[in-house]
Structure formats: C-alpha cells, structure tokens
Amino acid sequence: VLREVWGGDRDSVPTNLMRALAYSGNYVVGLYD
C-alpha cells in the first residue's frame, strides 16, 4: 500500500524493518476495508 501511495519501485519502509518495529512493540497498523 505504501509503495503504491508513494509511487516508488522500492518499499518506503523496508518490510524487514516494518516487521522488526511491529515485533518490538511500535506502532505498525493497517487500515482495512
């Protein structure tokens, strides 16, 4: 989703970093329909 919003070929936040942030208790959330 973030990659589509920002229009880049790479992740705006690398998936491994997102995973690490989420696992260590930081705010990593999705808006779901």
All heavy atoms as atom14 arrays in JSON, in Angstrom:
{
  "sequence": "VLREVWGGDRDSVPTNLMRALAYSGNYVVGLYD",
  "atom14_mask": [
    [1, 1, 1, 1, 1, 1, 1, 0, 0, 0, 0, 0, 0, 0],
    [1, 1, 1, 1, 1, 1, 1, 1, 0, 0, 0, 0, 0, 0],
    [1, 1, 1, 1, 1, 1, 1, 1, 1, 1, 1, 0, 0, 0],
    [1, 1, 1, 1, 1, 1, 1, 1, 1, 0, 0, 0, 0, 0],
    [1, 1, 1, 1, 1, 1, 1, 0, 0, 0, 0, 0, 0, 0],
    [1, 1, 1, 1, 1, 1, 1, 1, 1, 1, 1, 1, 1, 1],
    [1, 1, 1, 1, 0, 0, 0, 0, 0, 0, 0, 0, 0, 0],
    [1, 1, 1, 1, 0, 0, 0, 0, 0, 0, 0, 0, 0, 0],
    [1, 1, 1, 1, 1, 1, 1, 1, 0, 0, 0, 0, 0, 0],
    [1, 1, 1, 1, 1, 1, 1, 1, 1, 1, 1, 0, 0, 0],
    [1, 1, 1, 1, 1, 1, 1, 1, 0, 0, 0, 0, 0, 0],
    [1, 1, 1, 1, 1, 1, 0, 0, 0, 0, 0, 0, 0, 0],
    [1, 1, 1, 1, 1, 1, 1, 0, 0, 0, 0, 0, 0, 0],
    [1, 1, 1, 1, 1, 1, 1, 0, 0, 0, 0, 0, 0, 0],
    [1, 1, 1, 1, 1, 1, 1, 0, 0, 0, 0, 0, 0, 0],
    [1, 1, 1, 1, 1, 1, 1, 1, 0, 0, 0, 0, 0, 0],
    [1, 1, 1, 1, 1, 1, 1, 1, 0, 0, 0, 0, 0, 0],
    [1, 1, 1, 1, 1, 1, 1, 1, 0, 0, 0, 0, 0, 0],
    [1, 1, 1, 1, 1, 1, 1, 1, 1, 1, 1, 0, 0, 0],
    [1, 1, 1, 1, 1, 0, 0, 0, 0, 0, 0, 0, 0, 0],
    [1, 1, 1, 1, 1, 1, 1, 1, 0, 0, 0, 0, 0, 0],
    [1, 1, 1, 1, 1, 0, 0, 0, 0, 0, 0, 0, 0, 0],
    [1, 1, 1, 1, 1, 1, 1, 1, 1, 1, 1, 1, 0, 0],
    [1, 1, 1, 1, 1, 1, 0, 0, 0, 0, 0, 0, 0, 0],
    [1, 1, 1, 1, 0, 0, 0, 0, 0, 0, 0, 0, 0, 0],
    [1, 1, 1, 1, 1, 1, 1, 1, 0, 0, 0, 0, 0, 0],
    [1, 1, 1, 1, 1, 1, 1, 1, 1, 1, 1, 1, 0, 0],
    [1, 1, 1, 1, 1, 1, 1, 0, 0, 0, 0, 0, 0, 0],
    [1, 1, 1, 1, 1, 1, 1, 0, 0, 0, 0, 0, 0, 0],
    [1, 1, 1, 1, 0, 0, 0, 0, 0, 0, 0, 0, 0, 0],
    [1, 1, 1, 1, 1, 1, 1, 1, 0, 0, 0, 0, 0, 0],
    [1, 1, 1, 1, 1, 1, 1, 1, 1, 1, 1, 1, 0, 0],
    [1, 1, 1, 1, 1, 1, 1, 1, 0, 0, 0, 0, 0, 0]
  ],
  "atom14_positions": [
    [[0.84, -1.2, 0.0], [0.0, 0.0, 0.0], [0.87, 1.25, 0.0], [0.67, 2.17, -0.8], [-0.95, 0.0, 1.21], [-1.57, 1.38, 1.42], [-2.04, -1.04, 1.04], [0.0, 0.0, 0.0], [0.0, 0.0, 0.0], [0.0, 0.0, 0.0], [0.0, 0.0, 0.0], [0.0, 0.0, 0.0], [0.0, 0.0, 0.0], [0.0, 0.0, 0.0]],
    [[1.85, 1.31, 0.89], [2.72, 2.48, 0.97], [3.52, 2.66, -0.32], [3.74, 3.8, -0.77], [3.66, 2.36, 2.17], [2.97, 2.35, 3.54], [3.99, 2.1, 4.65], [2.22, 3.64, 3.79], [0.0, 0.0, 0.0], [0.0, 0.0, 0.0], [0.0, 0.0, 0.0], [0.0, 0.0, 0.0], [0.0, 0.0, 0.0], [0.0, 0.0, 0.0]],
    [[3.94, 1.56, -0.92], [4.66, 1.65, -2.19], [3.79, 2.24, -3.28], [4.24, 3.06, -4.09], [5.15, 0.25, -2.59], [6.07, 0.25, -3.8], [6.78, -1.1, -3.95], [5.87, -2.22, -4.06], [5.71, -3.17, -3.13], [6.4, -3.13, -2.01], [4.87, -4.16, -3.31], [0.0, 0.0, 0.0], [0.0, 0.0, 0.0], [0.0, 0.0, 0.0]],
    [[2.51, 1.85, -3.32], [1.6, 2.4, -4.32], [1.32, 3.88, -4.06], [1.28, 4.69, -4.99], [0.28, 1.62, -4.34], [-0.7, 2.14, -5.38], [-1.95, 1.28, -5.52], [-1.94, 0.13, -5.04], [-2.94, 1.78, -6.07], [0.0, 0.0, 0.0], [0.0, 0.0, 0.0], [0.0, 0.0, 0.0], [0.0, 0.0, 0.0], [0.0, 0.0, 0.0]],
    [[1.15, 4.25, -2.81], [0.86, 5.65, -2.48], [2.03, 6.55, -2.89], [1.81, 7.64, -3.45], [0.57, 5.8, -0.97], [0.49, 7.27, -0.58], [-0.73, 5.08, -0.61], [0.0, 0.0, 0.0], [0.0, 0.0, 0.0], [0.0, 0.0, 0.0], [0.0, 0.0, 0.0], [0.0, 0.0, 0.0], [0.0, 0.0, 0.0], [0.0, 0.0, 0.0]],
    [[3.25, 6.11, -2.63], [4.43, 6.95, -2.91], [4.98, 6.76, -4.31], [5.86, 7.49, -4.74], [5.51, 6.73, -1.86], [5.41, 7.74, -0.77], [6.14, 8.9, -0.66], [4.5, 7.75, 0.32], [5.72, 9.6, 0.44], [4.73, 8.93, 1.07], [3.51, 6.87, 0.76], [4.0, 9.25, 2.21], [2.78, 7.19, 1.9], [3.04, 8.37, 2.61]],
    [[4.48, 5.77, -5.03], [4.85, 5.65, -6.44], [6.29, 5.26, -6.68], [6.88, 5.66, -7.68], [0.0, 0.0, 0.0], [0.0, 0.0, 0.0], [0.0, 0.0, 0.0], [0.0, 0.0, 0.0], [0.0, 0.0, 0.0], [0.0, 0.0, 0.0], [0.0, 0.0, 0.0], [0.0, 0.0, 0.0], [0.0, 0.0, 0.0], [0.0, 0.0, 0.0]],
    [[6.87, 4.49, -5.8], [8.26, 4.07, -5.97], [8.36, 2.61, -6.34], [7.4, 1.84, -6.23], [0.0, 0.0, 0.0], [0.0, 0.0, 0.0], [0.0, 0.0, 0.0], [0.0, 0.0, 0.0], [0.0, 0.0, 0.0], [0.0, 0.0, 0.0], [0.0, 0.0, 0.0], [0.0, 0.0, 0.0], [0.0, 0.0, 0.0], [0.0, 0.0, 0.0]],
    [[9.54, 2.21, -6.79], [9.79, 0.81, -7.1], [10.2, 0.02, -5.86], [10.17, -1.21, -5.87], [10.9, 0.69, -8.16], [10.5, 1.34, -9.47], [9.3, 1.33, -9.79], [11.39, 1.87, -10.16], [0.0, 0.0, 0.0], [0.0, 0.0, 0.0], [0.0, 0.0, 0.0], [0.0, 0.0, 0.0], [0.0, 0.0, 0.0], [0.0, 0.0, 0.0]],
    [[10.61, 0.74, -4.82], [11.03, 0.08, -3.59], [10.09, 0.46, -2.46], [9.36, 1.45, -2.53], [12.47, 0.5, -3.23], [13.5, 0.03, -4.26], [14.88, 0.53, -3.91], [14.99, 1.98, -4.02], [16.09, 2.67, -3.79], [17.18, 2.05, -3.41], [16.1, 3.98, -3.93], [0.0, 0.0, 0.0], [0.0, 0.0, 0.0], [0.0, 0.0, 0.0]],
    [[10.1, -0.34, -1.41], [9.24, -0.07, -0.26], [9.66, 1.22, 0.42], [10.86, 1.45, 0.64], [9.31, -1.22, 0.75], [8.71, -2.5, 0.21], [7.76, -2.42, -0.58], [9.21, -3.59, 0.58], [0.0, 0.0, 0.0], [0.0, 0.0, 0.0], [0.0, 0.0, 0.0], [0.0, 0.0, 0.0], [0.0, 0.0, 0.0], [0.0, 0.0, 0.0]],
    [[8.7, 2.08, 0.78], [9.03, 3.3, 1.51], [9.56, 2.97, 2.9], [10.36, 3.72, 3.46], [7.81, 4.21, 1.59], [6.74, 3.56, 2.24], [0.0, 0.0, 0.0], [0.0, 0.0, 0.0], [0.0, 0.0, 0.0], [0.0, 0.0, 0.0], [0.0, 0.0, 0.0], [0.0, 0.0, 0.0], [0.0, 0.0, 0.0], [0.0, 0.0, 0.0]],
    [[9.08, 1.87, 3.46], [9.66, 1.31, 4.68], [9.96, -0.15, 4.36], [9.03, -0.91, 4.04], [8.71, 1.4, 5.88], [9.4, 0.84, 7.14], [8.27, 2.84, 6.12], [0.0, 0.0, 0.0], [0.0, 0.0, 0.0], [0.0, 0.0, 0.0], [0.0, 0.0, 0.0], [0.0, 0.0, 0.0], [0.0, 0.0, 0.0], [0.0, 0.0, 0.0]],
    [[11.22, -0.59, 4.42], [11.53, -1.99, 4.11], [10.7, -2.95, 4.97], [10.46, -2.7, 6.16], [13.02, -2.1, 4.42], [13.54, -0.71, 4.3], [12.42, 0.18, 4.76], [0.0, 0.0, 0.0], [0.0, 0.0, 0.0], [0.0, 0.0, 0.0], [0.0, 0.0, 0.0], [0.0, 0.0, 0.0], [0.0, 0.0, 0.0], [0.0, 0.0, 0.0]],
    [[10.28, -4.05, 4.35], [9.41, -4.98, 5.08], [10.09, -5.57, 6.31], [9.43, -5.79, 7.33], [8.95, -6.11, 4.15], [10.09, -6.69, 3.5], [7.99, -5.58, 3.09], [0.0, 0.0, 0.0], [0.0, 0.0, 0.0], [0.0, 0.0, 0.0], [0.0, 0.0, 0.0], [0.0, 0.0, 0.0], [0.0, 0.0, 0.0], [0.0, 0.0, 0.0]],
    [[11.4, -5.82, 6.23], [12.07, -6.37, 7.41], [12.1, -5.37, 8.56], [11.99, -5.73, 9.73], [13.48, -6.86, 7.06], [14.39, -5.77, 6.52], [13.93, -4.72, 6.09], [15.7, -6.03, 6.55], [0.0, 0.0, 0.0], [0.0, 0.0, 0.0], [0.0, 0.0, 0.0], [0.0, 0.0, 0.0], [0.0, 0.0, 0.0], [0.0, 0.0, 0.0]],
    [[12.22, -4.06, 8.21], [12.19, -3.03, 9.25], [10.79, -2.89, 9.83], [10.63, -2.76, 11.05], [12.66, -1.7, 8.68], [12.65, -0.51, 9.64], [13.5, -0.79, 10.87], [13.12, 0.76, 8.94], [0.0, 0.0, 0.0], [0.0, 0.0, 0.0], [0.0, 0.0, 0.0], [0.0, 0.0, 0.0], [0.0, 0.0, 0.0], [0.0, 0.0, 0.0]],
    [[9.77, -2.93, 8.98], [8.39, -2.88, 9.48], [8.14, -4.04, 10.44], [7.52, -3.87, 11.5], [7.39, -2.92, 8.33], [7.27, -1.63, 7.56], [6.07, -1.72, 6.2], [4.52, -1.92, 7.1], [0.0, 0.0, 0.0], [0.0, 0.0, 0.0], [0.0, 0.0, 0.0], [0.0, 0.0, 0.0], [0.0, 0.0, 0.0], [0.0, 0.0, 0.0]],
    [[8.6, -5.22, 10.06], [8.41, -6.4, 10.9], [9.12, -6.23, 12.24], [8.57, -6.53, 13.3], [8.95, -7.62, 10.16], [8.93, -8.92, 10.96], [7.53, -9.41, 11.21], [7.55, -10.79, 11.71], [6.51, -11.4, 12.25], [5.36, -10.76, 12.35], [6.59, -12.63, 12.68], [0.0, 0.0, 0.0], [0.0, 0.0, 0.0], [0.0, 0.0, 0.0]],
    [[10.35, -5.71, 12.21], [11.11, -5.51, 13.44], [10.44, -4.48, 14.34], [10.35, -4.66, 15.56], [12.54, -5.08, 13.11], [0.0, 0.0, 0.0], [0.0, 0.0, 0.0], [0.0, 0.0, 0.0], [0.0, 0.0, 0.0], [0.0, 0.0, 0.0], [0.0, 0.0, 0.0], [0.0, 0.0, 0.0], [0.0, 0.0, 0.0], [0.0, 0.0, 0.0]],
    [[9.96, -3.39, 13.75], [9.29, -2.36, 14.53], [8.01, -2.91, 15.17], [7.71, -2.64, 16.34], [8.97, -1.15, 13.65], [10.16, -0.31, 13.21], [9.73, 0.71, 12.16], [10.79, 0.41, 14.4], [0.0, 0.0, 0.0], [0.0, 0.0, 0.0], [0.0, 0.0, 0.0], [0.0, 0.0, 0.0], [0.0, 0.0, 0.0], [0.0, 0.0, 0.0]],
    [[7.23, -3.66, 14.39], [6.0, -4.23, 14.93], [6.3, -5.22, 16.05], [5.67, -5.2, 17.11], [5.22, -4.92, 13.81], [0.0, 0.0, 0.0], [0.0, 0.0, 0.0], [0.0, 0.0, 0.0], [0.0, 0.0, 0.0], [0.0, 0.0, 0.0], [0.0, 0.0, 0.0], [0.0, 0.0, 0.0], [0.0, 0.0, 0.0], [0.0, 0.0, 0.0]],
    [[7.29, -6.08, 15.84], [7.62, -7.12, 16.81], [8.13, -6.53, 18.11], [7.93, -7.1, 19.19], [8.65, -8.07, 16.21], [8.86, -9.32, 17.03], [7.93, -10.36, 17.0], [9.99, -9.46, 17.83], [8.12, -11.5, 17.76], [10.19, -10.61, 18.58], [9.25, -11.62, 18.55], [9.44, -12.76, 19.3], [0.0, 0.0, 0.0], [0.0, 0.0, 0.0]],
    [[8.79, -5.37, 18.03], [9.34, -4.75, 19.24], [8.38, -3.77, 19.9], [8.77, -3.01, 20.79], [10.67, -4.04, 18.91], [10.48, -3.08, 17.89], [0.0, 0.0, 0.0], [0.0, 0.0, 0.0], [0.0, 0.0, 0.0], [0.0, 0.0, 0.0], [0.0, 0.0, 0.0], [0.0, 0.0, 0.0], [0.0, 0.0, 0.0], [0.0, 0.0, 0.0]],
    [[7.12, -3.78, 19.47], [6.08, -3.04, 20.2], [5.79, -1.65, 19.71], [5.1, -0.89, 20.39], [0.0, 0.0, 0.0], [0.0, 0.0, 0.0], [0.0, 0.0, 0.0], [0.0, 0.0, 0.0], [0.0, 0.0, 0.0], [0.0, 0.0, 0.0], [0.0, 0.0, 0.0], [0.0, 0.0, 0.0], [0.0, 0.0, 0.0], [0.0, 0.0, 0.0]],
    [[6.28, -1.29, 18.52], [5.99, 0.03, 17.97], [4.66, 0.01, 17.21], [3.99, -1.01, 17.09], [7.14, 0.46, 17.05], [8.4, 0.74, 17.82], [8.58, 1.82, 18.39], [9.31, -0.24, 17.87], [0.0, 0.0, 0.0], [0.0, 0.0, 0.0], [0.0, 0.0, 0.0], [0.0, 0.0, 0.0], [0.0, 0.0, 0.0], [0.0, 0.0, 0.0]],
    [[4.3, 1.17, 16.69], [3.01, 1.35, 16.03], [3.13, 1.0, 14.55], [3.7, 1.76, 13.76], [2.56, 2.8, 16.2], [1.18, 3.12, 15.65], [0.04, 2.85, 16.41], [1.03, 3.71, 14.4], [-1.23, 3.17, 15.92], [-0.23, 4.04, 13.92], [-1.35, 3.75, 14.68], [-2.6, 4.08, 14.19], [0.0, 0.0, 0.0], [0.0, 0.0, 0.0]],
    [[2.6, -0.16, 14.17], [2.59, -0.6, 12.77], [1.2, -1.17, 12.51], [0.88, -2.29, 12.91], [3.68, -1.67, 12.5], [3.68, -2.07, 11.03], [5.05, -1.15, 12.91], [0.0, 0.0, 0.0], [0.0, 0.0, 0.0], [0.0, 0.0, 0.0], [0.0, 0.0, 0.0], [0.0, 0.0, 0.0], [0.0, 0.0, 0.0], [0.0, 0.0, 0.0]],
    [[0.35, -0.38, 11.87], [-1.05, -0.77, 11.73], [-1.49, -0.69, 10.27], [-0.9, 0.0, 9.44], [-1.99, 0.12, 12.59], [-1.54, 0.12, 14.05], [-2.07, 1.53, 12.03], [0.0, 0.0, 0.0], [0.0, 0.0, 0.0], [0.0, 0.0, 0.0], [0.0, 0.0, 0.0], [0.0, 0.0, 0.0], [0.0, 0.0, 0.0], [0.0, 0.0, 0.0]],
    [[-2.57, -1.42, 10.0], [-3.19, -1.37, 8.69], [-4.6, -0.84, 8.8], [-5.29, -1.06, 9.8], [0.0, 0.0, 0.0], [0.0, 0.0, 0.0], [0.0, 0.0, 0.0], [0.0, 0.0, 0.0], [0.0, 0.0, 0.0], [0.0, 0.0, 0.0], [0.0, 0.0, 0.0], [0.0, 0.0, 0.0], [0.0, 0.0, 0.0], [0.0, 0.0, 0.0]],
    [[-5.02, -0.11, 7.78], [-6.4, 0.33, 7.62], [-7.06, -0.68, 6.69], [-6.63, -0.83, 5.54], [-6.44, 1.74, 7.04], [-7.81, 2.37, 6.83], [-8.42, 2.8, 8.15], [-7.69, 3.57, 5.89], [0.0, 0.0, 0.0], [0.0, 0.0, 0.0], [0.0, 0.0, 0.0], [0.0, 0.0, 0.0], [0.0, 0.0, 0.0], [0.0, 0.0, 0.0]],
    [[-8.08, -1.35, 7.17], [-8.69, -2.44, 6.42], [-10.08, -2.06, 5.94], [-10.87, -1.46, 6.67], [-8.82, -3.69, 7.31], [-7.53, -4.43, 7.55], [-6.62, -4.0, 8.52], [-7.23, -5.58, 6.83], [-5.44, -4.7, 8.75], [-6.05, -6.29, 7.06], [-5.17, -5.84, 8.01], [-4.01, -6.53, 8.24], [0.0, 0.0, 0.0], [0.0, 0.0, 0.0]],
    [[-10.37, -2.43, 4.7], [-11.73, -2.45, 4.17], [-12.09, -3.92, 4.02], [-11.7, -4.57, 3.05], [-11.8, -1.73, 2.83], [-13.23, -1.66, 2.28], [-14.14, -2.22, 2.9], [-13.42, -1.05, 1.21], [0.0, 0.0, 0.0], [0.0, 0.0, 0.0], [0.0, 0.0, 0.0], [0.0, 0.0, 0.0], [0.0, 0.0, 0.0], [0.0, 0.0, 0.0]]
  ]
}
